[in-house]
């Protein structure tokens, strides 16, 4: 790439650096899958299982590094807009039933009625926690606050 200024050496194109945490997470995940060769996990499940040690995007990048090697993946459409990615060890020959069972469970909990009920319950819990700490509830679904 030529320099923008005369006399300046040309800029070298550097390869994007790999985050060392991604490599560390990939090693941990590989050991995890080796210990659980007969189990199937989906992306969000693995991100939550490892969230105390690694951020979810670190886990996702590490899983993408492992794909195609010892770790195999398959996606299954659960409903419109929901297609989780499942991960399993390459020696797991009987993964299809576990994938189907997990996909069914994900589909059941992704029903709009269930999601709405869980969201409403979470909202009530947050409001209660704020009230216990002295906050006052002013309005619902408001976009601004006047003092």
C-alpha atoms as a PDB file:
ATOM      1  CA  UNK A   1       0.000   0.000   0.000  1.00  0.00           C
ATOM      2  CA  UNK A   2       1.574   3.338  -1.010  1.00  0.00           C
ATOM      3  CA  UNK A   3       2.140   6.003   1.611  1.00  0.00           C
ATOM      4  CA  UNK A   4      -0.071   9.087   1.718  1.00  0.00           C
ATOM      5  CA  UNK A   5       2.958  11.284   2.445  1.00  0.00           C
ATOM      6  CA  UNK A   6       6.139  11.580   0.352  1.00  0.00           C
ATOM      7  CA  UNK A   7       9.222  10.107   1.986  1.00  0.00           C
ATOM      8  CA  UNK A   8       7.198   8.010   4.440  1.00  0.00           C
ATOM      9  CA  UNK A   9       7.728   4.253   4.231  1.00  0.00           C
ATOM     10  CA  UNK A  10       4.739   2.282   2.968  1.00  0.00           C
ATOM     11  CA  UNK A  11       2.347   1.055   5.640  1.00  0.00           C
ATOM     12  CA  UNK A  12       2.535  -2.656   6.294  1.00  0.00           C
ATOM     13  CA  UNK A  13      -0.741  -4.520   6.351  1.00  0.00           C
ATOM     14  CA  UNK A  14      -0.847  -6.346   9.644  1.00  0.00           C
ATOM     15  CA  UNK A  15      -2.871  -9.476  10.138  1.00  0.00           C
ATOM     16  CA  UNK A  16      -5.596  -9.023  12.732  1.00  0.00           C
ATOM     17  CA  UNK A  17      -4.333 -10.238  16.066  1.00  0.00           C
ATOM     18  CA  UNK A  18      -6.007 -13.195  17.693  1.00  0.00           C
ATOM     19  CA  UNK A  19      -7.183 -12.460  21.215  1.00  0.00           C
ATOM     20  CA  UNK A  20      -5.247 -14.743  23.601  1.00  0.00           C
ATOM     21  CA  UNK A  21      -8.455 -15.310  25.569  1.00  0.00           C
ATOM     22  CA  UNK A  22     -10.036 -16.833  22.458  1.00  0.00           C
ATOM     23  CA  UNK A  23      -7.214 -19.371  22.202  1.00  0.00           C
ATOM     24  CA  UNK A  24      -7.425 -20.106  25.921  1.00  0.00           C
ATOM     25  CA  UNK A  25     -11.197 -20.535  25.691  1.00  0.00           C
ATOM     26  CA  UNK A  26     -10.838 -22.820  22.657  1.00  0.00           C
ATOM     27  CA  UNK A  27      -8.471 -25.083  24.614  1.00  0.00           C
ATOM     28  CA  UNK A  28     -10.885 -25.175  27.556  1.00  0.00           C
ATOM     29  CA  UNK A  29     -13.832 -25.949  25.280  1.00  0.00           C
ATOM     30  CA  UNK A  30     -11.934 -28.719  23.519  1.00  0.00           C
ATOM     31  CA  UNK A  31     -11.165 -30.360  26.880  1.00  0.00           C
ATOM     32  CA  UNK A  32     -14.827 -29.879  27.854  1.00  0.00           C
ATOM     33  CA  UNK A  33     -16.059 -31.648  24.705  1.00  0.00           C
ATOM     34  CA  UNK A  34     -13.513 -34.457  25.096  1.00  0.00           C
ATOM     35  CA  UNK A  35     -14.924 -35.169  28.556  1.00  0.00           C
ATOM     36  CA  UNK A  36     -18.504 -35.069  27.241  1.00  0.00           C
ATOM     37  CA  UNK A  37     -18.244 -36.890  23.907  1.00  0.00           C
ATOM     38  CA  UNK A  38     -21.808 -38.177  24.022  1.00  0.00           C
ATOM     39  CA  UNK A  39     -23.467 -34.843  24.748  1.00  0.00           C
ATOM     40  CA  UNK A  40     -24.839 -32.107  22.481  1.00  0.00           C
ATOM     41  CA  UNK A  41     -24.841 -28.400  23.365  1.00  0.00           C
ATOM     42  CA  UNK A  42     -26.195 -25.336  21.610  1.00  0.00           C
ATOM     43  CA  UNK A  43     -24.424 -21.986  21.246  1.00  0.00           C
ATOM     44  CA  UNK A  44     -26.342 -19.977  23.869  1.00  0.00           C
ATOM     45  CA  UNK A  45     -26.073 -22.845  26.342  1.00  0.00           C
ATOM     46  CA  UNK A  46     -22.281 -22.920  25.974  1.00  0.00           C
ATOM     47  CA  UNK A  47     -22.047 -19.135  26.227  1.00  0.00           C
ATOM     48  CA  UNK A  48     -23.975 -19.230  29.523  1.00  0.00           C
ATOM     49  CA  UNK A  49     -22.027 -22.223  30.868  1.00  0.00           C
ATOM     50  CA  UNK A  50     -18.720 -20.411  30.281  1.00  0.00           C
ATOM     51  CA  UNK A  51     -19.802 -16.822  31.069  1.00  0.00           C
ATOM     52  CA  UNK A  52     -18.115 -16.700  34.486  1.00  0.00           C
ATOM     53  CA  UNK A  53     -14.759 -17.326  32.846  1.00  0.00           C
ATOM     54  CA  UNK A  54     -15.156 -15.812  29.346  1.00  0.00           C
ATOM     55  CA  UNK A  55     -17.415 -13.214  27.774  1.00  0.00           C
ATOM     56  CA  UNK A  56     -20.021 -14.690  25.424  1.00  0.00           C
ATOM     57  CA  UNK A  57     -18.333 -13.287  22.306  1.00  0.00           C
ATOM     58  CA  UNK A  58     -15.045 -14.923  23.329  1.00  0.00           C
ATOM     59  CA  UNK A  59     -16.825 -18.274  23.646  1.00  0.00           C
ATOM     60  CA  UNK A  60     -18.548 -17.776  20.275  1.00  0.00           C
ATOM     61  CA  UNK A  61     -15.234 -16.988  18.537  1.00  0.00           C
ATOM     62  CA  UNK A  62     -13.534 -19.954  20.185  1.00  0.00           C
ATOM     63  CA  UNK A  63     -16.334 -22.248  19.020  1.00  0.00           C
ATOM     64  CA  UNK A  64     -15.980 -20.953  15.470  1.00  0.00           C
ATOM     65  CA  UNK A  65     -12.261 -21.806  15.628  1.00  0.00           C
ATOM     66  CA  UNK A  66     -13.067 -25.365  16.737  1.00  0.00           C
ATOM     67  CA  UNK A  67     -15.711 -26.007  14.066  1.00  0.00           C
ATOM     68  CA  UNK A  68     -14.768 -28.649  11.544  1.00  0.00           C
ATOM     69  CA  UNK A  69     -12.008 -30.191  13.627  1.00  0.00           C
ATOM     70  CA  UNK A  70     -12.826 -32.306  16.632  1.00  0.00           C
ATOM     71  CA  UNK A  71     -16.031 -30.356  17.120  1.00  0.00           C
ATOM     72  CA  UNK A  72     -18.896 -30.762  14.661  1.00  0.00           C
ATOM     73  CA  UNK A  73     -21.882 -28.467  14.242  1.00  0.00           C
ATOM     74  CA  UNK A  74     -25.392 -28.688  12.904  1.00  0.00           C
ATOM     75  CA  UNK A  75     -28.126 -26.046  12.732  1.00  0.00           C
ATOM     76  CA  UNK A  76     -31.781 -26.886  13.092  1.00  0.00           C
ATOM     77  CA  UNK A  77     -34.667 -24.542  12.359  1.00  0.00           C
ATOM     78  CA  UNK A  78     -36.968 -24.452  15.353  1.00  0.00           C
ATOM     79  CA  UNK A  79     -39.419 -21.844  14.074  1.00  0.00           C
ATOM     80  CA  UNK A  80     -39.317 -18.740  11.903  1.00  0.00           C
ATOM     81  CA  UNK A  81     -36.285 -16.682  12.905  1.00  0.00           C
ATOM     82  CA  UNK A  82     -34.934 -19.262  15.375  1.00  0.00           C
ATOM     83  CA  UNK A  83     -32.234 -21.616  14.166  1.00  0.00           C
ATOM     84  CA  UNK A  84     -29.844 -22.601  16.966  1.00  0.00           C
ATOM     85  CA  UNK A  85     -26.437 -24.044  16.226  1.00  0.00           C
ATOM     86  CA  UNK A  86     -25.589 -27.296  18.010  1.00  0.00           C
ATOM     87  CA  UNK A  87     -22.082 -28.467  18.881  1.00  0.00           C
ATOM     88  CA  UNK A  88     -20.856 -31.990  19.624  1.00  0.00           C
ATOM     89  CA  UNK A  89     -17.682 -34.059  19.556  1.00  0.00           C
ATOM     90  CA  UNK A  90     -16.943 -35.713  16.207  1.00  0.00           C
ATOM     91  CA  UNK A  91     -17.027 -39.166  17.818  1.00  0.00           C
ATOM     92  CA  UNK A  92     -20.645 -38.673  18.884  1.00  0.00           C
ATOM     93  CA  UNK A  93     -22.439 -40.810  16.314  1.00  0.00           C
ATOM     94  CA  UNK A  94     -25.890 -40.545  17.902  1.00  0.00           C
ATOM     95  CA  UNK A  95     -26.310 -36.791  18.118  1.00  0.00           C
ATOM     96  CA  UNK A  96     -29.518 -36.418  16.077  1.00  0.00           C
ATOM     97  CA  UNK A  97     -31.950 -37.452  18.819  1.00  0.00           C
ATOM     98  CA  UNK A  98     -30.323 -35.073  21.321  1.00  0.00           C
ATOM     99  CA  UNK A  99     -30.438 -32.234  18.766  1.00  0.00           C
ATOM    100  CA  UNK A 100     -34.126 -32.911  18.079  1.00  0.00           C
ATOM    101  CA  UNK A 101     -34.953 -32.994  21.802  1.00  0.00           C
ATOM    102  CA  UNK A 102     -33.088 -29.735  22.526  1.00  0.00           C
ATOM    103  CA  UNK A 103     -34.623 -28.041  19.465  1.00  0.00           C
ATOM    104  CA  UNK A 104     -38.089 -29.060  20.656  1.00  0.00           C
ATOM    105  CA  UNK A 105     -37.410 -27.590  24.114  1.00  0.00           C
ATOM    106  CA  UNK A 106     -36.052 -24.364  22.602  1.00  0.00           C
ATOM    107  CA  UNK A 107     -39.152 -24.150  20.424  1.00  0.00           C
ATOM    108  CA  UNK A 108     -41.485 -24.574  23.397  1.00  0.00           C
ATOM    109  CA  UNK A 109     -39.761 -21.845  25.421  1.00  0.00           C
ATOM    110  CA  UNK A 110     -39.658 -19.556  22.376  1.00  0.00           C
ATOM    111  CA  UNK A 111     -43.437 -19.429  22.073  1.00  0.00           C
ATOM    112  CA  UNK A 112     -44.597 -15.791  22.200  1.00  0.00           C
ATOM    113  CA  UNK A 113     -46.961 -16.529  25.113  1.00  0.00           C
ATOM    114  CA  UNK A 114     -44.101 -17.950  27.206  1.00  0.00           C
ATOM    115  CA  UNK A 115     -41.711 -15.133  26.271  1.00  0.00           C
ATOM    116  CA  UNK A 116     -44.299 -12.497  27.139  1.00  0.00           C
ATOM    117  CA  UNK A 117     -45.055 -14.134  30.506  1.00  0.00           C
ATOM    118  CA  UNK A 118     -41.355 -14.409  31.403  1.00  0.00           C
ATOM    119  CA  UNK A 119     -40.754 -10.782  30.378  1.00  0.00           C
ATOM    120  CA  UNK A 120     -43.699  -9.559  32.418  1.00  0.00           C
ATOM    121  CA  UNK A 121     -42.569 -11.523  35.466  1.00  0.00           C
ATOM    122  CA  UNK A 122     -39.015 -10.153  35.138  1.00  0.00           C
ATOM    123  CA  UNK A 123     -40.365  -6.607  34.890  1.00  0.00           C
ATOM    124  CA  UNK A 124     -42.379  -7.111  38.098  1.00  0.00           C
ATOM    125  CA  UNK A 125     -39.327  -8.493  39.899  1.00  0.00           C
ATOM    126  CA  UNK A 126     -37.223  -5.474  38.868  1.00  0.00           C
ATOM    127  CA  UNK A 127     -39.921  -3.038  39.953  1.00  0.00           C
ATOM    128  CA  UNK A 128     -40.220  -4.793  43.311  1.00  0.00           C
ATOM    129  CA  UNK A 129     -36.447  -4.710  43.806  1.00  0.00           C
ATOM    130  CA  UNK A 130     -36.360  -0.983  43.019  1.00  0.00           C
ATOM    131  CA  UNK A 131     -39.241  -0.288  45.408  1.00  0.00           C
ATOM    132  CA  UNK A 132     -37.455  -2.183  48.183  1.00  0.00           C
ATOM    133  CA  UNK A 133     -34.461   0.090  47.686  1.00  0.00           C
ATOM    134  CA  UNK A 134     -36.504   3.278  47.958  1.00  0.00           C
ATOM    135  CA  UNK A 135     -37.195   4.076  44.298  1.00  0.00           C
ATOM    136  CA  UNK A 136     -40.634   5.379  43.417  1.00  0.00           C
ATOM    137  CA  UNK A 137     -42.573   4.147  40.409  1.00  0.00           C
ATOM    138  CA  UNK A 138     -43.660   7.188  38.345  1.00  0.00           C
ATOM    139  CA  UNK A 139     -45.151   5.754  35.161  1.00  0.00           C
ATOM    140  CA  UNK A 140     -45.169   2.800  32.791  1.00  0.00           C
ATOM    141  CA  UNK A 141     -44.112   2.883  29.112  1.00  0.00           C
ATOM    142  CA  UNK A 142     -42.947   6.516  29.383  1.00  0.00           C
ATOM    143  CA  UNK A 143     -40.283   8.029  27.166  1.00  0.00           C
ATOM    144  CA  UNK A 144     -39.290  11.010  29.271  1.00  0.00           C
ATOM    145  CA  UNK A 145     -39.167  12.151  32.859  1.00  0.00           C
ATOM    146  CA  UNK A 146     -39.875  15.609  34.258  1.00  0.00           C
ATOM    147  CA  UNK A 147     -38.367  16.675  37.551  1.00  0.00           C
END
